[in-house]
């Protein structure tokens, strides 16, 4: 007679170890998910604007819900001719006071044909508002400018 006693004690101890490892992996996965869910998401919006002699908002975030991370504005100057002079201005509001204004930070003038045609304006983190404006100051004809802005926002 052959006797082969079965003892599952060893297998049960391995299952306990595997279960503990799975719990640790799940805990790490949940922690990683919490971090990645809190990361800002790169977002984009775009449009087209036709210049006038008046200064116009090309892009504005007038009252962000919290600290805001605009990244850049891209403007396509392909349509600009030798007869146009376009002024791009950036403004920031740095005060939480009621009625605080957007304050001019930078002005860049593009006269005549622009090369390369695509310009990039880097933007800075901000809490109370940012604007990028466009104005045609030497009118040949008013031109249409495609634009695109990238910014990070909380999920």
N, C-alpha and C. Protein backbone atom coordinates (compact mmCIF):
# COMPACT_ATOMS: atom_id res chain seq x y z
N UNK A 1 0.82 -1.18 0.00
CA UNK A 1 0.00 0.00 0.00
C UNK A 1 0.88 1.26 0.00
N UNK A 2 0.54 2.21 -0.88
CA UNK A 2 1.28 3.47 -0.98
C UNK A 2 0.50 4.53 -0.22
N UNK A 3 1.25 5.23 0.58
CA UNK A 3 0.59 6.29 1.37
C UNK A 3 1.18 7.63 0.95
N UNK A 4 0.35 8.55 0.50
CA UNK A 4 0.79 9.89 0.07
C UNK A 4 -0.07 10.91 0.80
N UNK A 5 0.30 11.26 2.00
CA UNK A 5 -0.54 12.21 2.74
C UNK A 5 -0.45 13.60 2.13
N UNK A 6 -1.56 14.23 2.01
CA UNK A 6 -1.61 15.60 1.45
C UNK A 6 -1.65 16.58 2.61
N UNK A 7 -0.73 17.56 2.55
CA UNK A 7 -0.68 18.61 3.58
C UNK A 7 -0.64 19.95 2.85
N UNK A 8 -1.69 20.74 2.98
CA UNK A 8 -1.76 22.03 2.27
C UNK A 8 -1.27 23.20 3.12
N UNK A 9 -0.62 22.96 4.22
CA UNK A 9 -0.12 24.04 5.08
C UNK A 9 0.86 24.93 4.32
N UNK A 10 1.76 24.30 3.60
CA UNK A 10 2.75 25.08 2.85
C UNK A 10 2.07 25.93 1.77
N UNK A 11 1.13 25.36 1.05
CA UNK A 11 0.42 26.11 0.01
C UNK A 11 -0.38 27.26 0.61
N UNK A 12 -1.01 27.03 1.73
CA UNK A 12 -1.77 28.10 2.39
C UNK A 12 -0.85 29.23 2.85
N UNK A 13 0.34 28.88 3.32
CA UNK A 13 1.28 29.94 3.72
C UNK A 13 1.73 30.75 2.52
N UNK A 14 1.89 30.11 1.37
CA UNK A 14 2.24 30.84 0.15
C UNK A 14 1.10 31.76 -0.29
N UNK A 15 -0.12 31.31 -0.16
CA UNK A 15 -1.28 32.15 -0.51
C UNK A 15 -1.33 33.38 0.38
N UNK A 16 -1.02 33.24 1.65
CA UNK A 16 -0.99 34.39 2.57
C UNK A 16 0.08 35.38 2.12
N UNK A 17 1.24 34.89 1.73
CA UNK A 17 2.33 35.77 1.26
C UNK A 17 1.92 36.48 -0.03
N UNK A 18 1.36 35.73 -0.96
CA UNK A 18 0.92 36.33 -2.24
C UNK A 18 -0.17 37.37 -1.99
N UNK A 19 -1.08 37.09 -1.09
CA UNK A 19 -2.15 38.04 -0.76
C UNK A 19 -1.56 39.33 -0.17
N UNK A 20 -0.55 39.21 0.68
CA UNK A 20 0.09 40.40 1.27
C UNK A 20 0.80 41.21 0.19
N UNK A 21 1.44 40.53 -0.74
CA UNK A 21 2.12 41.23 -1.85
C UNK A 21 1.09 41.96 -2.71
N UNK A 22 -0.02 41.31 -3.00
CA UNK A 22 -1.09 41.95 -3.79
C UNK A 22 -1.64 43.18 -3.08
N UNK A 23 -1.82 43.09 -1.76
CA UNK A 23 -2.29 44.25 -1.00
C UNK A 23 -1.30 45.41 -1.08
N UNK A 24 0.00 45.10 -1.00
CA UNK A 24 1.03 46.15 -1.09
C UNK A 24 1.03 46.78 -2.48
N UNK A 25 0.88 45.97 -3.51
CA UNK A 25 0.81 46.50 -4.88
C UNK A 25 -0.41 47.39 -5.05
N UNK A 26 -1.55 46.96 -4.53
CA UNK A 26 -2.76 47.78 -4.61
C UNK A 26 -2.57 49.11 -3.89
N UNK A 27 -1.96 49.07 -2.71
CA UNK A 27 -1.72 50.30 -1.96
C UNK A 27 -0.83 51.26 -2.75
N UNK A 28 0.25 50.74 -3.37
CA UNK A 28 1.13 51.57 -4.19
C UNK A 28 0.39 52.11 -5.41
N UNK A 29 -0.43 51.28 -6.02
CA UNK A 29 -1.19 51.71 -7.20
C UNK A 29 -2.15 52.84 -6.85
N UNK A 30 -2.83 52.73 -5.73
CA UNK A 30 -3.74 53.79 -5.28
C UNK A 30 -2.97 55.08 -5.03
N UNK A 31 -1.79 54.98 -4.39
CA UNK A 31 -0.98 56.17 -4.12
C UNK A 31 -0.52 56.83 -5.42
N UNK A 32 -0.10 56.03 -6.39
CA UNK A 32 0.31 56.57 -7.70
C UNK A 32 -0.87 57.24 -8.38
N UNK A 33 -2.02 56.63 -8.33
CA UNK A 33 -3.22 57.19 -8.96
C UNK A 33 -3.59 58.54 -8.34
N UNK A 34 -3.46 58.66 -7.02
CA UNK A 34 -3.76 59.93 -6.36
C UNK A 34 -2.83 61.03 -6.86
N UNK A 35 -1.56 60.71 -7.06
CA UNK A 35 -0.60 61.70 -7.57
C UNK A 35 -0.92 62.07 -9.01
N UNK A 36 -1.14 61.08 -9.85
CA UNK A 36 -1.39 61.39 -11.27
C UNK A 36 -2.73 62.09 -11.47
N UNK A 37 -3.73 61.77 -10.65
CA UNK A 37 -5.02 62.46 -10.77
C UNK A 37 -4.92 63.92 -10.39
N UNK A 38 -3.95 64.27 -9.55
CA UNK A 38 -3.80 65.65 -9.11
C UNK A 38 -2.93 66.48 -10.05
N UNK A 39 -2.26 65.85 -11.01
CA UNK A 39 -1.39 66.59 -11.92
C UNK A 39 -2.22 67.41 -12.90
N UNK A 40 -1.65 68.56 -13.23
CA UNK A 40 -2.32 69.43 -14.20
C UNK A 40 -2.36 68.75 -15.57
N UNK A 41 -3.39 69.09 -16.32
CA UNK A 41 -3.59 68.54 -17.66
C UNK A 41 -3.32 69.65 -18.67
N UNK A 42 -2.47 69.36 -19.65
CA UNK A 42 -2.20 70.34 -20.69
C UNK A 42 -3.43 70.45 -21.59
N UNK A 43 -3.93 71.67 -21.73
CA UNK A 43 -5.15 71.93 -22.48
C UNK A 43 -4.84 72.97 -23.56
N UNK A 44 -5.64 72.97 -24.61
CA UNK A 44 -5.42 73.89 -25.73
C UNK A 44 -6.74 74.50 -26.15
N UNK A 45 -6.66 75.74 -26.58
CA UNK A 45 -7.79 76.38 -27.24
C UNK A 45 -7.22 77.23 -28.37
N UNK A 46 -8.03 77.48 -29.38
CA UNK A 46 -7.53 78.19 -30.55
C UNK A 46 -8.65 78.98 -31.19
N UNK A 47 -8.26 79.82 -32.12
CA UNK A 47 -9.25 80.60 -32.85
C UNK A 47 -8.59 81.42 -33.93
N UNK A 48 -9.35 82.36 -34.44
CA UNK A 48 -8.85 83.29 -35.45
C UNK A 48 -9.40 84.66 -35.11
N UNK A 49 -8.56 85.67 -35.28
CA UNK A 49 -8.98 87.05 -35.02
C UNK A 49 -8.53 87.92 -36.18
N UNK A 50 -9.38 88.84 -36.58
CA UNK A 50 -9.03 89.81 -37.62
C UNK A 50 -8.70 91.12 -36.93
N UNK A 51 -7.54 91.66 -37.24
CA UNK A 51 -7.09 92.87 -36.57
C UNK A 51 -7.95 94.07 -36.93
N UNK A 52 -7.93 95.05 -36.04
CA UNK A 52 -8.52 96.37 -36.27
C UNK A 52 -7.54 97.38 -35.72
N UNK A 53 -7.89 98.65 -35.82
CA UNK A 53 -7.03 99.68 -35.22
C UNK A 53 -7.16 99.67 -33.70
N UNK A 54 -8.18 99.03 -33.18
CA UNK A 54 -8.37 98.94 -31.73
C UNK A 54 -7.60 97.75 -31.18
N UNK A 55 -7.12 97.88 -29.96
CA UNK A 55 -6.49 96.76 -29.27
C UNK A 55 -7.58 95.75 -28.90
N UNK A 56 -7.37 94.48 -29.26
CA UNK A 56 -8.36 93.43 -29.01
C UNK A 56 -7.75 92.29 -28.19
N UNK A 57 -8.56 91.67 -27.37
CA UNK A 57 -8.10 90.49 -26.65
C UNK A 57 -7.95 89.33 -27.61
N UNK A 58 -6.74 88.86 -27.75
CA UNK A 58 -6.48 87.64 -28.50
C UNK A 58 -6.75 86.44 -27.60
N UNK A 59 -6.29 86.54 -26.35
CA UNK A 59 -6.54 85.51 -25.35
C UNK A 59 -6.63 86.19 -23.99
N UNK A 60 -7.60 85.78 -23.18
CA UNK A 60 -7.72 86.31 -21.82
C UNK A 60 -8.27 85.24 -20.90
N UNK A 61 -7.67 85.15 -19.74
CA UNK A 61 -8.25 84.40 -18.62
C UNK A 61 -8.36 85.44 -17.52
N UNK A 62 -9.51 86.02 -17.40
CA UNK A 62 -9.71 87.21 -16.57
C UNK A 62 -9.80 86.91 -15.08
N UNK A 63 -10.23 85.72 -14.73
CA UNK A 63 -10.40 85.40 -13.31
C UNK A 63 -10.21 83.90 -13.09
N UNK A 64 -8.96 83.43 -13.09
CA UNK A 64 -8.73 82.00 -12.88
C UNK A 64 -9.29 81.56 -11.52
N UNK A 65 -9.68 80.30 -11.44
CA UNK A 65 -10.24 79.77 -10.19
C UNK A 65 -9.16 79.59 -9.12
N UNK A 66 -7.92 79.54 -9.52
CA UNK A 66 -6.80 79.36 -8.60
C UNK A 66 -5.53 79.68 -9.35
N UNK A 67 -4.42 79.21 -8.82
CA UNK A 67 -3.15 79.44 -9.53
C UNK A 67 -3.28 78.80 -10.90
N UNK A 68 -2.92 79.57 -11.90
CA UNK A 68 -3.16 79.21 -13.29
C UNK A 68 -1.81 79.14 -13.99
N UNK A 69 -1.62 78.15 -14.85
CA UNK A 69 -0.35 77.98 -15.54
C UNK A 69 -0.55 78.05 -17.05
N UNK A 70 -0.64 79.30 -17.58
CA UNK A 70 -0.64 79.40 -19.04
C UNK A 70 0.78 79.08 -19.53
N UNK A 71 0.89 78.41 -20.64
CA UNK A 71 2.19 78.00 -21.14
C UNK A 71 2.66 78.93 -22.25
N UNK A 72 1.88 79.04 -23.33
CA UNK A 72 2.29 79.88 -24.44
C UNK A 72 1.11 80.19 -25.35
N UNK A 73 1.30 81.25 -26.13
CA UNK A 73 0.37 81.60 -27.21
C UNK A 73 1.17 81.54 -28.50
N UNK A 74 0.61 80.89 -29.51
CA UNK A 74 1.23 80.84 -30.83
C UNK A 74 0.34 81.64 -31.78
N UNK A 75 0.97 82.48 -32.60
CA UNK A 75 0.22 83.30 -33.56
C UNK A 75 0.84 83.11 -34.94
N UNK A 76 -0.02 82.88 -35.91
CA UNK A 76 0.40 82.68 -37.30
C UNK A 76 0.35 84.01 -38.04
N UNK A 77 1.51 84.51 -38.44
CA UNK A 77 1.62 85.78 -39.15
C UNK A 77 1.71 85.59 -40.67
N UNK A 78 1.31 84.45 -41.19
CA UNK A 78 1.39 84.17 -42.62
C UNK A 78 0.68 85.24 -43.45
N UNK A 79 -0.45 85.74 -42.99
CA UNK A 79 -1.23 86.71 -43.77
C UNK A 79 -0.71 88.13 -43.70
N UNK A 80 0.23 88.41 -42.81
CA UNK A 80 0.71 89.79 -42.67
C UNK A 80 1.54 90.19 -43.88
N UNK A 81 1.29 91.39 -44.38
CA UNK A 81 2.02 91.91 -45.55
C UNK A 81 2.96 93.02 -45.10
N UNK A 82 3.69 93.56 -46.06
CA UNK A 82 4.64 94.65 -45.77
C UNK A 82 3.93 95.89 -45.26
N UNK A 83 2.62 96.02 -45.50
CA UNK A 83 1.89 97.23 -45.13
C UNK A 83 1.37 97.23 -43.69
N UNK A 84 1.45 96.09 -42.98
CA UNK A 84 0.89 96.03 -41.63
C UNK A 84 1.97 96.13 -40.55
N UNK A 85 1.60 96.75 -39.46
CA UNK A 85 2.39 96.73 -38.23
C UNK A 85 1.45 96.29 -37.12
N UNK A 86 1.78 95.17 -36.51
CA UNK A 86 0.93 94.59 -35.47
C UNK A 86 1.68 94.64 -34.14
N UNK A 87 0.96 95.05 -33.10
CA UNK A 87 1.51 95.12 -31.75
C UNK A 87 0.85 94.04 -30.90
N UNK A 88 1.68 93.23 -30.26
CA UNK A 88 1.21 92.20 -29.33
C UNK A 88 1.59 92.66 -27.92
N UNK A 89 0.62 92.64 -27.02
CA UNK A 89 0.88 93.05 -25.63
C UNK A 89 0.45 91.92 -24.69
N UNK A 90 1.21 91.76 -23.61
CA UNK A 90 0.82 90.82 -22.55
C UNK A 90 0.58 91.60 -21.27
N UNK A 91 -0.49 91.20 -20.58
CA UNK A 91 -0.90 91.85 -19.34
C UNK A 91 -1.10 90.77 -18.26
N UNK A 92 -0.82 91.16 -17.02
CA UNK A 92 -1.09 90.28 -15.88
C UNK A 92 -1.75 91.09 -14.77
N UNK A 93 -2.67 90.46 -14.07
CA UNK A 93 -3.22 91.04 -12.85
C UNK A 93 -2.52 90.32 -11.70
N UNK A 94 -1.89 91.08 -10.80
CA UNK A 94 -1.16 90.45 -9.70
C UNK A 94 -1.75 90.80 -8.34
N UNK A 95 -2.87 91.49 -8.33
CA UNK A 95 -3.51 91.90 -7.07
C UNK A 95 -4.88 91.26 -6.94
N UNK A 96 -5.21 90.79 -5.72
CA UNK A 96 -6.54 90.25 -5.49
C UNK A 96 -7.58 91.33 -5.19
N UNK A 97 -7.15 92.58 -5.11
CA UNK A 97 -8.06 93.66 -4.73
C UNK A 97 -9.20 93.80 -5.74
N UNK A 98 -10.37 94.09 -5.23
CA UNK A 98 -11.53 94.32 -6.10
C UNK A 98 -11.20 95.46 -7.06
N UNK A 99 -11.48 95.27 -8.32
CA UNK A 99 -11.23 96.30 -9.31
C UNK A 99 -9.79 96.39 -9.78
N UNK A 100 -8.93 95.47 -9.33
CA UNK A 100 -7.53 95.49 -9.77
C UNK A 100 -7.47 95.29 -11.29
N UNK A 101 -6.58 96.02 -11.92
CA UNK A 101 -6.48 96.01 -13.38
C UNK A 101 -5.43 95.01 -13.86
N UNK A 102 -5.56 94.62 -15.11
CA UNK A 102 -4.49 93.90 -15.79
C UNK A 102 -3.41 94.93 -16.10
N UNK A 103 -2.16 94.62 -15.72
CA UNK A 103 -1.04 95.55 -15.87
C UNK A 103 -0.16 95.10 -17.04
N UNK A 104 0.21 96.05 -17.89
CA UNK A 104 1.06 95.75 -19.04
C UNK A 104 2.41 95.23 -18.58
N UNK A 105 2.81 94.08 -19.12
CA UNK A 105 4.13 93.53 -18.83
C UNK A 105 5.07 93.66 -20.02
N UNK A 106 4.55 93.46 -21.24
CA UNK A 106 5.44 93.44 -22.40
C UNK A 106 4.69 93.88 -23.65
N UNK A 107 5.43 94.53 -24.54
CA UNK A 107 4.92 94.95 -25.84
C UNK A 107 5.93 94.54 -26.90
N UNK A 108 5.46 93.87 -27.95
CA UNK A 108 6.33 93.50 -29.06
C UNK A 108 5.64 93.94 -30.34
N UNK A 109 6.40 94.62 -31.21
CA UNK A 109 5.87 95.14 -32.47
C UNK A 109 6.44 94.32 -33.63
N UNK A 110 5.55 93.92 -34.54
CA UNK A 110 5.93 93.18 -35.73
C UNK A 110 5.56 94.03 -36.94
N UNK A 111 6.57 94.57 -37.62
CA UNK A 111 6.34 95.45 -38.76
C UNK A 111 6.67 94.70 -40.05
N UNK A 112 5.74 94.78 -41.00
CA UNK A 112 5.96 94.15 -42.29
C UNK A 112 5.88 92.64 -42.22
N UNK A 113 6.45 92.00 -43.23
CA UNK A 113 6.41 90.54 -43.34
C UNK A 113 7.24 89.94 -42.20
N UNK A 114 6.68 88.97 -41.52
CA UNK A 114 7.35 88.33 -40.38
C UNK A 114 7.88 86.97 -40.82
N UNK A 115 9.14 86.71 -40.49
CA UNK A 115 9.74 85.42 -40.81
C UNK A 115 10.60 84.98 -39.63
N UNK A 116 10.38 83.80 -39.11
CA UNK A 116 9.38 82.84 -39.51
C UNK A 116 7.97 83.33 -39.15
N UNK A 117 7.00 82.80 -39.84
CA UNK A 117 5.62 83.29 -39.72
C UNK A 117 4.94 82.94 -38.40
N UNK A 118 5.36 81.87 -37.77
CA UNK A 118 4.74 81.44 -36.52
C UNK A 118 5.56 81.97 -35.34
N UNK A 119 4.92 82.80 -34.52
CA UNK A 119 5.62 83.32 -33.34
C UNK A 119 5.07 82.64 -32.10
N UNK A 120 5.89 82.62 -31.08
CA UNK A 120 5.54 81.99 -29.82
C UNK A 120 5.74 83.00 -28.70
N UNK A 121 4.74 83.17 -27.85
CA UNK A 121 4.84 84.06 -26.70
C UNK A 121 4.75 83.19 -25.46
N UNK A 122 5.84 83.12 -24.70
CA UNK A 122 5.82 82.35 -23.46
C UNK A 122 5.04 83.11 -22.40
N UNK A 123 4.22 82.40 -21.66
CA UNK A 123 3.42 83.00 -20.59
C UNK A 123 3.87 82.45 -19.24
N UNK A 124 3.54 83.18 -18.18
CA UNK A 124 4.00 82.84 -16.84
C UNK A 124 2.84 82.42 -15.95
N UNK A 125 3.15 81.63 -14.89
CA UNK A 125 2.10 81.29 -13.94
C UNK A 125 1.49 82.55 -13.33
N UNK A 126 0.26 82.44 -12.94
CA UNK A 126 -0.43 83.63 -12.49
C UNK A 126 -1.64 83.21 -11.66
N UNK A 127 -2.09 84.11 -10.80
CA UNK A 127 -3.22 83.79 -9.94
C UNK A 127 -4.48 84.59 -10.27
N UNK A 128 -4.32 85.83 -10.75
CA UNK A 128 -5.48 86.73 -10.83
C UNK A 128 -5.89 87.14 -12.24
N UNK A 129 -5.15 86.75 -13.28
CA UNK A 129 -5.58 87.05 -14.63
C UNK A 129 -4.43 87.33 -15.58
N UNK A 130 -4.63 86.97 -16.84
CA UNK A 130 -3.63 87.19 -17.89
C UNK A 130 -4.37 87.50 -19.19
N UNK A 131 -3.77 88.36 -20.00
CA UNK A 131 -4.35 88.68 -21.31
C UNK A 131 -3.24 88.90 -22.32
N UNK A 132 -3.50 88.48 -23.55
CA UNK A 132 -2.63 88.77 -24.69
C UNK A 132 -3.51 89.50 -25.70
N UNK A 133 -3.04 90.68 -26.13
CA UNK A 133 -3.84 91.48 -27.06
C UNK A 133 -3.11 91.66 -28.38
N UNK A 134 -3.88 92.04 -29.40
CA UNK A 134 -3.34 92.29 -30.73
C UNK A 134 -3.95 93.58 -31.27
N UNK A 135 -3.13 94.35 -31.99
CA UNK A 135 -3.60 95.61 -32.57
C UNK A 135 -2.81 95.89 -33.84
N UNK A 136 -3.52 96.30 -34.89
CA UNK A 136 -2.88 96.69 -36.14
C UNK A 136 -2.75 98.21 -36.12
N UNK A 137 -1.51 98.71 -36.04
CA UNK A 137 -1.31 100.16 -35.90
C UNK A 137 -0.97 100.85 -37.20
N UNK A 138 -0.54 100.12 -38.21
CA UNK A 138 -0.24 100.72 -39.52
C UNK A 138 -1.03 99.93 -40.55
N UNK A 139 -2.21 100.40 -40.83
CA UNK A 139 -3.16 99.62 -41.59
C UNK A 139 -2.86 99.63 -43.08
N UNK A 140 -2.46 98.48 -43.58
CA UNK A 140 -2.52 98.23 -45.00
C UNK A 140 -3.92 97.70 -45.21
N UNK A 141 -4.13 96.50 -44.73
CA UNK A 141 -5.46 95.91 -44.61
C UNK A 141 -5.48 95.16 -43.29
N UNK A 142 -6.66 95.00 -42.75
CA UNK A 142 -6.76 94.19 -41.54
C UNK A 142 -6.69 92.73 -41.96
N UNK A 143 -5.85 91.97 -41.26
CA UNK A 143 -5.62 90.58 -41.62
C UNK A 143 -6.17 89.65 -40.55
N UNK A 144 -6.43 88.42 -40.95
CA UNK A 144 -6.86 87.37 -40.02
C UNK A 144 -5.62 86.63 -39.52
N UNK A 145 -5.57 86.42 -38.21
CA UNK A 145 -4.46 85.73 -37.57
C UNK A 145 -5.00 84.51 -36.82
N UNK A 146 -4.52 83.34 -37.19
CA UNK A 146 -4.84 82.14 -36.41
C UNK A 146 -3.99 82.16 -35.15
N UNK A 147 -4.57 81.70 -34.07
CA UNK A 147 -3.83 81.66 -32.81
C UNK A 147 -4.20 80.39 -32.05
N UNK A 148 -3.32 80.04 -31.14
CA UNK A 148 -3.52 78.85 -30.31
C UNK A 148 -2.84 79.11 -28.97
N UNK A 149 -3.49 78.70 -27.90
CA UNK A 149 -2.91 78.86 -26.56
C UNK A 149 -2.90 77.51 -25.86
N UNK A 150 -1.83 77.28 -25.11
CA UNK A 150 -1.71 76.08 -24.29
C UNK A 150 -1.64 76.51 -22.84
N UNK A 151 -2.32 75.76 -21.97
CA UNK A 151 -2.28 76.05 -20.54
C UNK A 151 -2.52 74.77 -19.77
N UNK A 152 -2.04 74.77 -18.53
CA UNK A 152 -2.26 73.62 -17.66
C UNK A 152 -3.39 73.96 -16.71
N UNK A 153 -4.24 72.98 -16.48
CA UNK A 153 -5.32 73.19 -15.53
C UNK A 153 -5.50 71.94 -14.68
N UNK A 154 -6.02 72.15 -13.48
CA UNK A 154 -6.25 71.02 -12.59
C UNK A 154 -7.36 70.15 -13.16
N UNK A 155 -7.24 68.85 -12.95
CA UNK A 155 -8.27 67.94 -13.47
C UNK A 155 -9.60 68.12 -12.74
